[in-house]
Amino acid sequence: MREIITLECTVCKNRNYTTTKNKKTHQEKLEISRFCRHCHKHSLHKEIK
């Protein structure tokens, strides 16, 4: 049931990270504060399709 998702930076719109998520238990979109290598700072990363 785990699916691979991609995380996109909300500041520069670059797709920096991939991770897995159990879609059966977490239907909402994932939002994590991560370090963006392009912005050179911590920013919010959101799940995209």
PDB file of N, CA and C in Angstrom:
ATOM      1  N   MET A   1       0.817  -1.208   0.000  1.00  0.00           N
ATOM      2  CA  MET A   1       0.000   0.000   0.000  1.00  0.00           C
ATOM      3  C   MET A   1       0.859   1.270   0.000  1.00  0.00           C
ATOM      4  N   ARG A   2       2.156   1.143   0.224  1.00  0.00           N
ATOM      5  CA  ARG A   2       3.003   2.332   0.228  1.00  0.00           C
ATOM      6  C   ARG A   2       3.309   2.755  -1.202  1.00  0.00           C
ATOM      7  N   GLU A   3       3.224   4.062  -1.429  1.00  0.00           N
ATOM      8  CA  GLU A   3       3.482   4.600  -2.757  1.00  0.00           C
ATOM      9  C   GLU A   3       4.582   5.648  -2.688  1.00  0.00           C
ATOM     10  N   ILE A   4       5.339   5.759  -3.749  1.00  0.00           N
ATOM     11  CA  ILE A   4       6.407   6.744  -3.831  1.00  0.00           C
ATOM     12  C   ILE A   4       5.801   8.097  -4.180  1.00  0.00           C
ATOM     13  N   ILE A   5       6.161   9.128  -3.417  1.00  0.00           N
ATOM     14  CA  ILE A   5       5.680  10.484  -3.683  1.00  0.00           C
ATOM     15  C   ILE A   5       6.889  11.400  -3.872  1.00  0.00           C
ATOM     16  N   THR A   6       6.675  12.523  -4.523  1.00  0.00           N
ATOM     17  CA  THR A   6       7.709  13.517  -4.755  1.00  0.00           C
ATOM     18  C   THR A   6       7.381  14.767  -3.967  1.00  0.00           C
ATOM     19  N   LEU A   7       8.410  15.372  -3.362  1.00  0.00           N
ATOM     20  CA  LEU A   7       8.237  16.595  -2.598  1.00  0.00           C
ATOM     21  C   LEU A   7       8.814  17.771  -3.376  1.00  0.00           C
ATOM     22  N   GLU A   8       8.042  18.857  -3.428  1.00  0.00           N
ATOM     23  CA  GLU A   8       8.437  20.042  -4.184  1.00  0.00           C
ATOM     24  C   GLU A   8       8.574  21.226  -3.250  1.00  0.00           C
ATOM     25  N   CYS A   9       9.624  22.006  -3.442  1.00  0.00           N
ATOM     26  CA  CYS A   9       9.854  23.204  -2.637  1.00  0.00           C
ATOM     27  C   CYS A   9       8.788  24.250  -2.978  1.00  0.00           C
ATOM     28  N   THR A  10       8.225  24.889  -1.956  1.00  0.00           N
ATOM     29  CA  THR A  10       7.197  25.900  -2.195  1.00  0.00           C
ATOM     30  C   THR A  10       7.787  27.240  -2.596  1.00  0.00           C
ATOM     31  N   VAL A  11       9.086  27.445  -2.352  1.00  0.00           N
ATOM     32  CA  VAL A  11       9.724  28.717  -2.686  1.00  0.00           C
ATOM     33  C   VAL A  11      10.204  28.731  -4.135  1.00  0.00           C
ATOM     34  N   CYS A  12      11.023  27.752  -4.509  1.00  0.00           N
ATOM     35  CA  CYS A  12      11.625  27.768  -5.848  1.00  0.00           C
ATOM     36  C   CYS A  12      10.991  26.765  -6.809  1.00  0.00           C
ATOM     37  N   LYS A  13      10.062  25.934  -6.338  1.00  0.00           N
ATOM     38  CA  LYS A  13       9.314  24.970  -7.153  1.00  0.00           C
ATOM     39  C   LYS A  13      10.174  23.836  -7.732  1.00  0.00           C
ATOM     40  N   ASN A  14      11.322  23.582  -7.132  1.00  0.00           N
ATOM     41  CA  ASN A  14      12.153  22.454  -7.566  1.00  0.00           C
ATOM     42  C   ASN A  14      11.725  21.199  -6.834  1.00  0.00           C
ATOM     43  N   ARG A  15      11.787  20.081  -7.532  1.00  0.00           N
ATOM     44  CA  ARG A  15      11.425  18.791  -6.944  1.00  0.00           C
ATOM     45  C   ARG A  15      12.692  18.158  -6.391  1.00  0.00           C
ATOM     46  N   ASN A  16      12.844  18.213  -5.059  1.00  0.00           N
ATOM     47  CA  ASN A  16      14.106  17.852  -4.422  1.00  0.00           C
ATOM     48  C   ASN A  16      14.122  16.467  -3.814  1.00  0.00           C
ATOM     49  N   TYR A  17      13.031  16.004  -3.262  1.00  0.00           N
ATOM     50  CA  TYR A  17      13.024  14.782  -2.474  1.00  0.00           C
ATOM     51  C   TYR A  17      11.963  13.806  -2.962  1.00  0.00           C
ATOM     52  N   THR A  18      12.226  12.522  -2.737  1.00  0.00           N
ATOM     53  CA  THR A  18      11.216  11.489  -2.915  1.00  0.00           C
ATOM     54  C   THR A  18      11.134  10.702  -1.615  1.00  0.00           C
ATOM     55  N   THR A  19       9.957  10.225  -1.299  1.00  0.00           N
ATOM     56  CA  THR A  19       9.726   9.458  -0.087  1.00  0.00           C
ATOM     57  C   THR A  19       8.532   8.542  -0.329  1.00  0.00           C
ATOM     58  N   THR A  20       8.206   7.726   0.661  1.00  0.00           N
ATOM     59  CA  THR A  20       7.051   6.837   0.538  1.00  0.00           C
ATOM     60  C   THR A  20       5.996   7.234   1.558  1.00  0.00           C
ATOM     61  N   LYS A  21       4.769   6.883   1.233  1.00  0.00           N
ATOM     62  CA  LYS A  21       3.649   7.224   2.103  1.00  0.00           C
ATOM     63  C   LYS A  21       2.591   6.146   1.976  1.00  0.00           C
ATOM     64  N   ASN A  22       1.974   5.783   3.084  1.00  0.00           N
ATOM     65  CA  ASN A  22       0.879   4.835   3.081  1.00  0.00           C
ATOM     66  C   ASN A  22      -0.402   5.602   2.781  1.00  0.00           C
ATOM     67  N   LYS A  23      -0.928   5.431   1.588  1.00  0.00           N
ATOM     68  CA  LYS A  23      -2.110   6.198   1.164  1.00  0.00           C
ATOM     69  C   LYS A  23      -3.383   5.736   1.855  1.00  0.00           C
ATOM     70  N   LYS A  24      -3.379   4.543   2.407  1.00  0.00           N
ATOM     71  CA  LYS A  24      -4.574   4.049   3.082  1.00  0.00           C
ATOM     72  C   LYS A  24      -4.781   4.740   4.431  1.00  0.00           C
ATOM     73  N   THR A  25      -3.696   5.047   5.137  1.00  0.00           N
ATOM     74  CA  THR A  25      -3.825   5.663   6.456  1.00  0.00           C
ATOM     75  C   THR A  25      -3.676   7.176   6.434  1.00  0.00           C
ATOM     76  N   HIS A  26      -3.026   7.735   5.392  1.00  0.00           N
ATOM     77  CA  HIS A  26      -2.816   9.182   5.281  1.00  0.00           C
ATOM     78  C   HIS A  26      -3.298   9.658   3.923  1.00  0.00           C
ATOM     79  N   GLN A  27      -4.551  10.102   3.857  1.00  0.00           N
ATOM     80  CA  GLN A  27      -5.098  10.558   2.589  1.00  0.00           C
ATOM     81  C   GLN A  27      -4.701  11.995   2.266  1.00  0.00           C
ATOM     82  N   GLU A  28      -4.409  12.818   3.276  1.00  0.00           N
ATOM     83  CA  GLU A  28      -4.071  14.213   3.035  1.00  0.00           C
ATOM     84  C   GLU A  28      -2.662  14.328   2.458  1.00  0.00           C
ATOM     85  N   LYS A  29      -2.379  15.459   1.841  1.00  0.00           N
ATOM     86  CA  LYS A  29      -1.069  15.673   1.234  1.00  0.00           C
ATOM     87  C   LYS A  29      -0.035  15.975   2.309  1.00  0.00           C
ATOM     88  N   LEU A  30       1.151  15.464   2.094  1.00  0.00           N
ATOM     89  CA  LEU A  30       2.235  15.588   3.048  1.00  0.00           C
ATOM     90  C   LEU A  30       2.933  16.937   2.900  1.00  0.00           C
ATOM     91  N   GLU A  31       3.258  17.584   4.046  1.00  0.00           N
ATOM     92  CA  GLU A  31       3.993  18.842   4.061  1.00  0.00           C
ATOM     93  C   GLU A  31       5.084  18.733   5.112  1.00  0.00           C
ATOM     94  N   ILE A  32       6.334  18.882   4.673  1.00  0.00           N
ATOM     95  CA  ILE A  32       7.484  18.736   5.565  1.00  0.00           C
ATOM     96  C   ILE A  32       8.436  19.902   5.339  1.00  0.00           C
ATOM     97  N   SER A  33       9.032  20.395   6.425  1.00  0.00           N
ATOM     98  CA  SER A  33      10.067  21.401   6.307  1.00  0.00           C
ATOM     99  C   SER A  33      11.394  20.691   6.067  1.00  0.00           C
ATOM    100  N   ARG A  34      11.999  20.948   4.904  1.00  0.00           N
ATOM    101  CA  ARG A  34      13.240  20.295   4.506  1.00  0.00           C
ATOM    102  C   ARG A  34      14.217  21.337   3.996  1.00  0.00           C
ATOM    103  N   PHE A  35      15.488  20.959   3.911  1.00  0.00           N
ATOM    104  CA  PHE A  35      16.500  21.856   3.361  1.00  0.00           C
ATOM    105  C   PHE A  35      16.476  21.782   1.838  1.00  0.00           C
ATOM    106  N   CYS A  36      16.383  22.939   1.200  1.00  0.00           N
ATOM    107  CA  CYS A  36      16.395  23.014  -0.263  1.00  0.00           C
ATOM    108  C   CYS A  36      17.809  23.373  -0.713  1.00  0.00           C
ATOM    109  N   ARG A  37      18.384  22.533  -1.563  1.00  0.00           N
ATOM    110  CA  ARG A  37      19.743  22.776  -2.050  1.00  0.00           C
ATOM    111  C   ARG A  37      19.800  23.955  -3.018  1.00  0.00           C
ATOM    112  N   HIS A  38      18.691  24.291  -3.636  1.00  0.00           N
ATOM    113  CA  HIS A  38      18.672  25.381  -4.605  1.00  0.00           C
ATOM    114  C   HIS A  38      18.461  26.737  -3.928  1.00  0.00           C
ATOM    115  N   CYS A  39      17.642  26.774  -2.890  1.00  0.00           N
ATOM    116  CA  CYS A  39      17.397  28.005  -2.137  1.00  0.00           C
ATOM    117  C   CYS A  39      18.454  28.234  -1.058  1.00  0.00           C
ATOM    118  N   HIS A  40      19.127  27.181  -0.651  1.00  0.00           N
ATOM    119  CA  HIS A  40      20.121  27.199   0.429  1.00  0.00           C
ATOM    120  C   HIS A  40      19.515  27.604   1.764  1.00  0.00           C
ATOM    121  N   LYS A  41      18.304  27.114   2.032  1.00  0.00           N
ATOM    122  CA  LYS A  41      17.656  27.354   3.317  1.00  0.00           C
ATOM    123  C   LYS A  41      16.570  26.308   3.539  1.00  0.00           C
ATOM    124  N   HIS A  42      16.073  26.232   4.758  1.00  0.00           N
ATOM    125  CA  HIS A  42      14.972  25.335   5.068  1.00  0.00           C
ATOM    126  C   HIS A  42      13.670  25.975   4.597  1.00  0.00           C
ATOM    127  N   SER A  43      12.864  25.192   3.918  1.00  0.00           N
ATOM    128  CA  SER A  43      11.580  25.682   3.432  1.00  0.00           C
ATOM    129  C   SER A  43      10.576  24.556   3.441  1.00  0.00           C
ATOM    130  N   LEU A  44       9.329  24.908   3.290  1.00  0.00           N
ATOM    131  CA  LEU A  44       8.259  23.932   3.282  1.00  0.00           C
ATOM    132  C   LEU A  44       8.237  23.188   1.949  1.00  0.00           C
ATOM    133  N   HIS A  45       8.172  21.865   2.009  1.00  0.00           N
ATOM    134  CA  HIS A  45       8.081  21.019   0.826  1.00  0.00           C
ATOM    135  C   HIS A  45       6.746  20.306   0.853  1.00  0.00           C
ATOM    136  N   LYS A  46       6.015  20.363  -0.259  1.00  0.00           N
ATOM    137  CA  LYS A  46       4.694  19.744  -0.347  1.00  0.00           C
ATOM    138  C   LYS A  46       4.699  18.588  -1.320  1.00  0.00           C
ATOM    139  N   GLU A  47       3.813  17.667  -1.057  1.00  0.00           N
ATOM    140  CA  GLU A  47       3.648  16.516  -1.945  1.00  0.00           C
ATOM    141  C   GLU A  47       2.995  16.948  -3.248  1.00  0.00           C
ATOM    142  N   ILE A  48       3.497  16.408  -4.348  1.00  0.00           N
ATOM    143  CA  ILE A  48       2.874  16.663  -5.654  1.00  0.00           C
ATOM    144  C   ILE A  48       2.525  15.328  -6.284  1.00  0.00           C
ATOM    145  N   LYS A  49       1.736  15.369  -7.326  1.00  0.00           N
ATOM    146  CA  LYS A  49       1.345  14.136  -8.026  1.00  0.00           C
ATOM    147  C   LYS A  49       2.462  13.635  -8.889  1.00  0.00           C
TER     148      LYS A  49
END
